[in-house]
Amino acid sequence: MEQLTELPNIGETLAKKLKMVGIANARKLKSAGSENALIKIATLQDSGACINMLYALEGAIQGIRWHGLNKERKQELKVFYNMMQ
C-alpha cells in the first residue's frame, strides 16, 4: 500500500495532518478527494489549510506536482476554496 509521503507534494507535515483526520494512505486520499481532504484538515486547530494545500492534495491524487495541474482543474479548486472561506 502506497504511503502518503510517496505521493508528489506530500511531505511529513501534510501526511501527519492527513493521518490526524483519518486519511492514512494513498488509497484513502484518492477515495476522499482533494476537496474533502481539505475540509477535514481545516477542522484541525492550526491546520494551515490554504489554496496551495488544496492544489498539493489534488496533484498528489493525480500523481503530479501541483504546478502541473491543468488550468481548468485549478480554477475549479479555486472556486471551491473561495466558497469554503
PDB file of N, CA and C in Angstrom:
ATOM      1  N   MET A   1       0.844  -1.175   0.000  1.00  0.00           N
ATOM      2  CA  MET A   1       0.000   0.000   0.000  1.00  0.00           C
ATOM      3  C   MET A   1       0.896   1.247   0.000  1.00  0.00           C
ATOM      4  N   GLU A   2       0.609   2.138  -0.895  1.00  0.00           N
ATOM      5  CA  GLU A   2       1.421   3.339  -1.066  1.00  0.00           C
ATOM      6  C   GLU A   2       1.248   4.288   0.126  1.00  0.00           C
ATOM      7  N   GLN A   3       2.377   4.703   0.691  1.00  0.00           N
ATOM      8  CA  GLN A   3       2.363   5.650   1.806  1.00  0.00           C
ATOM      9  C   GLN A   3       2.112   7.055   1.285  1.00  0.00           C
ATOM     10  N   LEU A   4       1.566   7.903   2.133  1.00  0.00           N
ATOM     11  CA  LEU A   4       1.255   9.275   1.733  1.00  0.00           C
ATOM     12  C   LEU A   4       2.490  10.032   1.259  1.00  0.00           C
ATOM     13  N   THR A   5       3.607   9.863   1.957  1.00  0.00           N
ATOM     14  CA  THR A   5       4.814  10.619   1.598  1.00  0.00           C
ATOM     15  C   THR A   5       5.460  10.137   0.309  1.00  0.00           C
ATOM     16  N   GLU A   6       4.976   9.038  -0.236  1.00  0.00           N
ATOM     17  CA  GLU A   6       5.463   8.571  -1.537  1.00  0.00           C
ATOM     18  C   GLU A   6       4.783   9.317  -2.682  1.00  0.00           C
ATOM     19  N   LEU A   7       3.718  10.034  -2.369  1.00  0.00           N
ATOM     20  CA  LEU A   7       2.991  10.801  -3.382  1.00  0.00           C
ATOM     21  C   LEU A   7       3.671  12.148  -3.597  1.00  0.00           C
ATOM     22  N   PRO A   8       3.571  12.694  -4.815  1.00  0.00           N
ATOM     23  CA  PRO A   8       4.105  14.040  -5.040  1.00  0.00           C
ATOM     24  C   PRO A   8       3.387  15.038  -4.131  1.00  0.00           C
ATOM     25  N   ASN A   9       4.103  16.049  -3.693  1.00  0.00           N
ATOM     26  CA  ASN A   9       3.561  17.172  -2.918  1.00  0.00           C
ATOM     27  C   ASN A   9       3.265  16.870  -1.453  1.00  0.00           C
ATOM     28  N   ILE A  10       3.396  15.615  -1.026  1.00  0.00           N
ATOM     29  CA  ILE A  10       3.040  15.267   0.349  1.00  0.00           C
ATOM     30  C   ILE A  10       4.312  15.036   1.165  1.00  0.00           C
ATOM     31  N   GLY A  11       4.589  15.995   2.032  1.00  0.00           N
ATOM     32  CA  GLY A  11       5.714  15.871   2.945  1.00  0.00           C
ATOM     33  C   GLY A  11       5.242  15.327   4.288  1.00  0.00           C
ATOM     34  N   GLU A  12       6.153  15.271   5.230  1.00  0.00           N
ATOM     35  CA  GLU A  12       5.822  14.734   6.552  1.00  0.00           C
ATOM     36  C   GLU A  12       4.711  15.531   7.241  1.00  0.00           C
ATOM     37  N   THR A  13       4.753  16.852   7.148  1.00  0.00           N
ATOM     38  CA  THR A  13       3.776  17.693   7.841  1.00  0.00           C
ATOM     39  C   THR A  13       2.368  17.462   7.312  1.00  0.00           C
ATOM     40  N   LEU A  14       2.211  17.481   5.997  1.00  0.00           N
ATOM     41  CA  LEU A  14       0.887  17.258   5.416  1.00  0.00           C
ATOM     42  C   LEU A  14       0.427  15.824   5.655  1.00  0.00           C
ATOM     43  N   ALA A  15       1.332  14.871   5.564  1.00  0.00           N
ATOM     44  CA  ALA A  15       0.979  13.471   5.833  1.00  0.00           C
ATOM     45  C   ALA A  15       0.463  13.323   7.261  1.00  0.00           C
ATOM     46  N   LYS A  16       1.097  14.004   8.207  1.00  0.00           N
ATOM     47  CA  LYS A  16       0.672  13.936   9.605  1.00  0.00           C
ATOM     48  C   LYS A  16      -0.740  14.498   9.759  1.00  0.00           C
ATOM     49  N   LYS A  17      -1.022  15.617   9.091  1.00  0.00           N
ATOM     50  CA  LYS A  17      -2.355  16.204   9.164  1.00  0.00           C
ATOM     51  C   LYS A  17      -3.399  15.279   8.549  1.00  0.00           C
ATOM     52  N   LEU A  18      -3.061  14.671   7.434  1.00  0.00           N
ATOM     53  CA  LEU A  18      -3.988  13.728   6.800  1.00  0.00           C
ATOM     54  C   LEU A  18      -4.283  12.554   7.724  1.00  0.00           C
ATOM     55  N   LYS A  19      -3.253  12.032   8.359  1.00  0.00           N
ATOM     56  CA  LYS A  19      -3.445  10.906   9.281  1.00  0.00           C
ATOM     57  C   LYS A  19      -4.305  11.307  10.466  1.00  0.00           C
ATOM     58  N   MET A  20      -4.158  12.541  10.927  1.00  0.00           N
ATOM     59  CA  MET A  20      -4.957  13.021  12.064  1.00  0.00           C
ATOM     60  C   MET A  20      -6.443  13.064  11.738  1.00  0.00           C
ATOM     61  N   VAL A  21      -6.787  13.196  10.459  1.00  0.00           N
ATOM     62  CA  VAL A  21      -8.204  13.238  10.068  1.00  0.00           C
ATOM     63  C   VAL A  21      -8.670  11.917   9.455  1.00  0.00           C
ATOM     64  N   GLY A  22      -7.881  10.867   9.638  1.00  0.00           N
ATOM     65  CA  GLY A  22      -8.306   9.535   9.223  1.00  0.00           C
ATOM     66  C   GLY A  22      -7.937   9.137   7.806  1.00  0.00           C
ATOM     67  N   ILE A  23      -7.074   9.904   7.169  1.00  0.00           N
ATOM     68  CA  ILE A  23      -6.619   9.564   5.820  1.00  0.00           C
ATOM     69  C   ILE A  23      -5.184   9.073   5.950  1.00  0.00           C
ATOM     70  N   ALA A  24      -5.036   7.750   6.046  1.00  0.00           N
ATOM     71  CA  ALA A  24      -3.755   7.170   6.440  1.00  0.00           C
ATOM     72  C   ALA A  24      -2.893   6.665   5.288  1.00  0.00           C
ATOM     73  N   ASN A  25      -3.436   6.626   4.078  1.00  0.00           N
ATOM     74  CA  ASN A  25      -2.648   6.121   2.954  1.00  0.00           C
ATOM     75  C   ASN A  25      -3.169   6.716   1.641  1.00  0.00           C
ATOM     76  N   ALA A  26      -2.451   6.433   0.576  1.00  0.00           N
ATOM     77  CA  ALA A  26      -2.777   6.999  -0.738  1.00  0.00           C
ATOM     78  C   ALA A  26      -4.169   6.588  -1.203  1.00  0.00           C
ATOM     79  N   ARG A  27      -4.545   5.367  -0.954  1.00  0.00           N
ATOM     80  CA  ARG A  27      -5.861   4.884  -1.382  1.00  0.00           C
ATOM     81  C   ARG A  27      -6.973   5.686  -0.717  1.00  0.00           C
ATOM     82  N   LYS A  28      -6.824   5.954   0.578  1.00  0.00           N
ATOM     83  CA  LYS A  28      -7.845   6.722   1.299  1.00  0.00           C
ATOM     84  C   LYS A  28      -7.888   8.168   0.823  1.00  0.00           C
ATOM     85  N   LEU A  29      -6.732   8.731   0.482  1.00  0.00           N
ATOM     86  CA  LEU A  29      -6.706  10.097  -0.043  1.00  0.00           C
ATOM     87  C   LEU A  29      -7.424  10.162  -1.389  1.00  0.00           C
ATOM     88  N   LYS A  30      -7.128   9.213  -2.246  1.00  0.00           N
ATOM     89  CA  LYS A  30      -7.770   9.191  -3.561  1.00  0.00           C
ATOM     90  C   LYS A  30      -9.275   8.992  -3.428  1.00  0.00           C
ATOM     91  N   SER A  31      -9.678   8.173  -2.471  1.00  0.00           N
ATOM     92  CA  SER A  31     -11.098   7.926  -2.236  1.00  0.00           C
ATOM     93  C   SER A  31     -11.798   9.174  -1.696  1.00  0.00           C
ATOM     94  N   ALA A  32     -11.128   9.893  -0.801  1.00  0.00           N
ATOM     95  CA  ALA A  32     -11.716  11.099  -0.203  1.00  0.00           C
ATOM     96  C   ALA A  32     -11.795  12.241  -1.203  1.00  0.00           C
ATOM     97  N   GLY A  33     -10.764  12.380  -2.034  1.00  0.00           N
ATOM     98  CA  GLY A  33     -10.687  13.505  -2.963  1.00  0.00           C
ATOM     99  C   GLY A  33     -10.051  14.706  -2.281  1.00  0.00           C
ATOM    100  N   SER A  34      -9.505  15.591  -3.067  1.00  0.00           N
ATOM    101  CA  SER A  34      -8.769  16.731  -2.519  1.00  0.00           C
ATOM    102  C   SER A  34      -9.666  17.677  -1.733  1.00  0.00           C
ATOM    103  N   GLU A  35     -10.864  17.930  -2.232  1.00  0.00           N
ATOM    104  CA  GLU A  35     -11.762  18.861  -1.554  1.00  0.00           C
ATOM    105  C   GLU A  35     -12.157  18.348  -0.176  1.00  0.00           C
ATOM    106  N   ASN A  36     -12.587  17.091  -0.093  1.00  0.00           N
ATOM    107  CA  ASN A  36     -12.984  16.527   1.192  1.00  0.00           C
ATOM    108  C   ASN A  36     -11.802  16.432   2.149  1.00  0.00           C
ATOM    109  N   ALA A  37     -10.639  16.115   1.629  1.00  0.00           N
ATOM    110  CA  ALA A  37      -9.448  16.047   2.479  1.00  0.00           C
ATOM    111  C   ALA A  37      -9.152  17.418   3.077  1.00  0.00           C
ATOM    112  N   LEU A  38      -9.268  18.470   2.283  1.00  0.00           N
ATOM    113  CA  LEU A  38      -9.006  19.811   2.801  1.00  0.00           C
ATOM    114  C   LEU A  38     -10.058  20.219   3.832  1.00  0.00           C
ATOM    115  N   ILE A  39     -11.298  19.880   3.598  1.00  0.00           N
ATOM    116  CA  ILE A  39     -12.360  20.183   4.576  1.00  0.00           C
ATOM    117  C   ILE A  39     -12.019  19.533   5.915  1.00  0.00           C
ATOM    118  N   LYS A  40     -11.601  18.288   5.874  1.00  0.00           N
ATOM    119  CA  LYS A  40     -11.245  17.574   7.111  1.00  0.00           C
ATOM    120  C   LYS A  40     -10.047  18.230   7.788  1.00  0.00           C
ATOM    121  N   ILE A  41      -9.024  18.570   7.015  1.00  0.00           N
ATOM    122  CA  ILE A  41      -7.828  19.202   7.580  1.00  0.00           C
ATOM    123  C   ILE A  41      -8.191  20.551   8.199  1.00  0.00           C
ATOM    124  N   ALA A  42      -9.095  21.279   7.573  1.00  0.00           N
ATOM    125  CA  ALA A  42      -9.491  22.604   8.064  1.00  0.00           C
ATOM    126  C   ALA A  42     -10.123  22.541   9.453  1.00  0.00           C
ATOM    127  N   THR A  43     -10.602  21.366   9.864  1.00  0.00           N
ATOM    128  CA  THR A  43     -11.198  21.228  11.193  1.00  0.00           C
ATOM    129  C   THR A  43     -10.138  21.153  12.288  1.00  0.00           C
ATOM    130  N   LEU A  44      -8.896  20.913  11.911  1.00  0.00           N
ATOM    131  CA  LEU A  44      -7.814  20.825  12.889  1.00  0.00           C
ATOM    132  C   LEU A  44      -7.421  22.213  13.384  1.00  0.00           C
ATOM    133  N   GLN A  45      -7.043  22.280  14.643  1.00  0.00           N
ATOM    134  CA  GLN A  45      -6.528  23.544  15.170  1.00  0.00           C
ATOM    135  C   GLN A  45      -5.192  23.831  14.494  1.00  0.00           C
ATOM    136  N   ASP A  46      -4.969  25.076  14.100  1.00  0.00           N
ATOM    137  CA  ASP A  46      -3.740  25.460  13.393  1.00  0.00           C
ATOM    138  C   ASP A  46      -3.507  24.582  12.170  1.00  0.00           C
ATOM    139  N   SER A  47      -4.562  24.380  11.384  1.00  0.00           N
ATOM    140  CA  SER A  47      -4.494  23.458  10.245  1.00  0.00           C
ATOM    141  C   SER A  47      -3.575  23.941   9.131  1.00  0.00           C
ATOM    142  N   GLY A  48      -3.520  25.250   8.929  1.00  0.00           N
ATOM    143  CA  GLY A  48      -2.737  25.784   7.820  1.00  0.00           C
ATOM    144  C   GLY A  48      -3.379  25.526   6.470  1.00  0.00           C
ATOM    145  N   ALA A  49      -4.668  25.152   6.480  1.00  0.00           N
ATOM    146  CA  ALA A  49      -5.372  24.869   5.226  1.00  0.00           C
ATOM    147  C   ALA A  49      -5.372  26.111   4.345  1.00  0.00           C
ATOM    148  N   CYS A  50      -4.918  25.953   3.112  1.00  0.00           N
ATOM    149  CA  CYS A  50      -4.846  27.076   2.177  1.00  0.00           C
ATOM    150  C   CYS A  50      -5.012  26.542   0.751  1.00  0.00           C
ATOM    151  N   ILE A  51      -5.085  27.457  -0.184  1.00  0.00           N
ATOM    152  CA  ILE A  51      -5.276  27.064  -1.588  1.00  0.00           C
ATOM    153  C   ILE A  51      -4.120  26.206  -2.085  1.00  0.00           C
ATOM    154  N   ASN A  52      -2.904  26.518  -1.655  1.00  0.00           N
ATOM    155  CA  ASN A  52      -1.761  25.726  -2.102  1.00  0.00           C
ATOM    156  C   ASN A  52      -1.813  24.299  -1.564  1.00  0.00           C
ATOM    157  N   MET A  53      -2.354  24.137  -0.361  1.00  0.00           N
ATOM    158  CA  MET A  53      -2.519  22.789   0.182  1.00  0.00           C
ATOM    159  C   MET A  53      -3.537  22.019  -0.656  1.00  0.00           C
ATOM    160  N   LEU A  54      -4.604  22.690  -1.053  1.00  0.00           N
ATOM    161  CA  LEU A  54      -5.610  22.048  -1.904  1.00  0.00           C
ATOM    162  C   LEU A  54      -4.997  21.621  -3.228  1.00  0.00           C
ATOM    163  N   TYR A  55      -4.205  22.501  -3.834  1.00  0.00           N
ATOM    164  CA  TYR A  55      -3.514  22.150  -5.078  1.00  0.00           C
ATOM    165  C   TYR A  55      -2.571  20.965  -4.857  1.00  0.00           C
ATOM    166  N   ALA A  56      -1.862  20.975  -3.739  1.00  0.00           N
ATOM    167  CA  ALA A  56      -0.925  19.887  -3.436  1.00  0.00           C
ATOM    168  C   ALA A  56      -1.661  18.554  -3.309  1.00  0.00           C
ATOM    169  N   LEU A  57      -2.801  18.580  -2.626  1.00  0.00           N
ATOM    170  CA  LEU A  57      -3.589  17.353  -2.467  1.00  0.00           C
ATOM    171  C   LEU A  57      -4.078  16.834  -3.819  1.00  0.00           C
ATOM    172  N   GLU A  58      -4.573  17.740  -4.660  1.00  0.00           N
ATOM    173  CA  GLU A  58      -5.057  17.333  -5.986  1.00  0.00           C
ATOM    174  C   GLU A  58      -3.910  16.774  -6.832  1.00  0.00           C
ATOM    175  N   GLY A  59      -2.772  17.433  -6.779  1.00  0.00           N
ATOM    176  CA  GLY A  59      -1.611  16.929  -7.517  1.00  0.00           C
ATOM    177  C   GLY A  59      -1.201  15.551  -7.038  1.00  0.00           C
ATOM    178  N   ALA A  60      -1.237  15.349  -5.727  1.00  0.00           N
ATOM    179  CA  ALA A  60      -0.882  14.040  -5.166  1.00  0.00           C
ATOM    180  C   ALA A  60      -1.831  12.964  -5.686  1.00  0.00           C
ATOM    181  N   ILE A  61      -3.103  13.284  -5.721  1.00  0.00           N
ATOM    182  CA  ILE A  61      -4.101  12.332  -6.221  1.00  0.00           C
ATOM    183  C   ILE A  61      -3.846  12.006  -7.686  1.00  0.00           C
ATOM    184  N   GLN A  62      -3.484  13.016  -8.455  1.00  0.00           N
ATOM    185  CA  GLN A  62      -3.217  12.807  -9.884  1.00  0.00           C
ATOM    186  C   GLN A  62      -1.818  12.248 -10.145  1.00  0.00           C
ATOM    187  N   GLY A  63      -0.967  12.244  -9.130  1.00  0.00           N
ATOM    188  CA  GLY A  63       0.391  11.724  -9.291  1.00  0.00           C
ATOM    189  C   GLY A  63       1.346  12.696  -9.956  1.00  0.00           C
ATOM    190  N   ILE A  64       1.052  14.005  -9.820  1.00  0.00           N
ATOM    191  CA  ILE A  64       1.895  15.032 -10.442  1.00  0.00           C
ATOM    192  C   ILE A  64       2.207  16.141  -9.439  1.00  0.00           C
ATOM    193  N   ARG A  65       3.235  16.921  -9.726  1.00  0.00           N
ATOM    194  CA  ARG A  65       3.498  18.115  -8.933  1.00  0.00           C
ATOM    195  C   ARG A  65       2.322  19.066  -9.140  1.00  0.00           C
ATOM    196  N   TRP A  66       1.968  19.819  -8.115  1.00  0.00           N
ATOM    197  CA  TRP A  66       0.776  20.668  -8.216  1.00  0.00           C
ATOM    198  C   TRP A  66       0.915  21.739  -9.283  1.00  0.00           C
ATOM    199  N   HIS A  67       2.132  22.104  -9.614  1.00  0.00           N
ATOM    200  CA  HIS A  67       2.348  23.099 -10.662  1.00  0.00           C
ATOM    201  C   HIS A  67       1.845  22.601 -12.027  1.00  0.00           C
ATOM    202  N   GLY A  68       1.732  21.281 -12.164  1.00  0.00           N
ATOM    203  CA  GLY A  68       1.319  20.689 -13.427  1.00  0.00           C
ATOM    204  C   GLY A  68      -0.177  20.496 -13.582  1.00  0.00           C
ATOM    205  N   LEU A  69      -0.956  20.933 -12.601  1.00  0.00           N
ATOM    206  CA  LEU A  69      -2.411  20.803 -12.725  1.00  0.00           C
ATOM    207  C   LEU A  69      -2.902  21.640 -13.910  1.00  0.00           C
ATOM    208  N   ASN A  70      -3.887  21.121 -14.630  1.00  0.00           N
ATOM    209  CA  ASN A  70      -4.390  21.908 -15.756  1.00  0.00           C
ATOM    210  C   ASN A  70      -5.202  23.108 -15.254  1.00  0.00           C
ATOM    211  N   LYS A  71      -5.283  24.118 -16.100  1.00  0.00           N
ATOM    212  CA  LYS A  71      -5.907  25.392 -15.715  1.00  0.00           C
ATOM    213  C   LYS A  71      -7.350  25.212 -15.280  1.00  0.00           C
ATOM    214  N   GLU A  72      -8.083  24.352 -15.967  1.00  0.00           N
ATOM    215  CA  GLU A  72      -9.491  24.155 -15.647  1.00  0.00           C
ATOM    216  C   GLU A  72      -9.656  23.589 -14.241  1.00  0.00           C
ATOM    217  N   ARG A  73      -8.845  22.582 -13.913  1.00  0.00           N
ATOM    218  CA  ARG A  73      -8.953  21.974 -12.586  1.00  0.00           C
ATOM    219  C   ARG A  73      -8.523  22.959 -11.504  1.00  0.00           C
ATOM    220  N   LYS A  74      -7.468  23.721 -11.764  1.00  0.00           N
ATOM    221  CA  LYS A  74      -7.036  24.720 -10.790  1.00  0.00           C
ATOM    222  C   LYS A  74      -8.142  25.743 -10.547  1.00  0.00           C
ATOM    223  N   GLN A  75      -8.834  26.133 -11.601  1.00  0.00           N
ATOM    224  CA  GLN A  75      -9.931  27.096 -11.456  1.00  0.00           C
ATOM    225  C   GLN A  75     -11.068  26.493 -10.637  1.00  0.00           C
ATOM    226  N   GLU A  76     -11.403  25.232 -10.897  1.00  0.00           N
ATOM    227  CA  GLU A  76     -12.443  24.561 -10.107  1.00  0.00           C
ATOM    228  C   GLU A  76     -12.062  24.537  -8.628  1.00  0.00           C
ATOM    229  N   LEU A  77     -10.816  24.225  -8.351  1.00  0.00           N
ATOM    230  CA  LEU A  77     -10.347  24.165  -6.968  1.00  0.00           C
ATOM    231  C   LEU A  77     -10.367  25.544  -6.319  1.00  0.00           C
ATOM    232  N   LYS A  78     -10.019  26.559  -7.088  1.00  0.00           N
ATOM    233  CA  LYS A  78     -10.027  27.926  -6.574  1.00  0.00           C
ATOM    234  C   LYS A  78     -11.443  28.344  -6.200  1.00  0.00           C
ATOM    235  N   VAL A  79     -12.407  28.036  -7.052  1.00  0.00           N
ATOM    236  CA  VAL A  79     -13.808  28.352  -6.761  1.00  0.00           C
ATOM    237  C   VAL A  79     -14.253  27.627  -5.489  1.00  0.00           C
ATOM    238  N   PHE A  80     -13.907  26.350  -5.386  1.00  0.00           N
ATOM    239  CA  PHE A  80     -14.249  25.572  -4.196  1.00  0.00           C
ATOM    240  C   PHE A  80     -13.637  26.192  -2.954  1.00  0.00           C
ATOM    241  N   TYR A  81     -12.361  26.538  -3.021  1.00  0.00           N
ATOM    242  CA  TYR A  81     -11.662  27.106  -1.872  1.00  0.00           C
ATOM    243  C   TYR A  81     -12.301  28.423  -1.448  1.00  0.00           C
ATOM    244  N   ASN A  82     -12.627  29.258  -2.402  1.00  0.00           N
ATOM    245  CA  ASN A  82     -13.259  30.539  -2.087  1.00  0.00           C
ATOM    246  C   ASN A  82     -14.623  30.346  -1.439  1.00  0.00           C
ATOM    247  N   MET A  83     -15.356  29.311  -1.832  1.00  0.00           N
ATOM    248  CA  MET A  83     -16.651  29.006  -1.225  1.00  0.00           C
ATOM    249  C   MET A  83     -16.468  28.528   0.224  1.00  0.00           C
ATOM    250  N   MET A  84     -15.331  27.884   0.500  1.00  0.00           N
ATOM    251  CA  MET A  84     -15.022  27.389   1.844  1.00  0.00           C
ATOM    252  C   MET A  84     -14.791  28.523   2.834  1.00  0.00           C
ATOM    253  N   GLN A  85     -14.316  29.637   2.316  1.00  0.00           N
ATOM    254  CA  GLN A  85     -13.917  30.747   3.202  1.00  0.00           C
ATOM    255  C   GLN A  85     -15.085  31.435   3.846  1.00  0.00           C
TER     256      GLN A  85
END
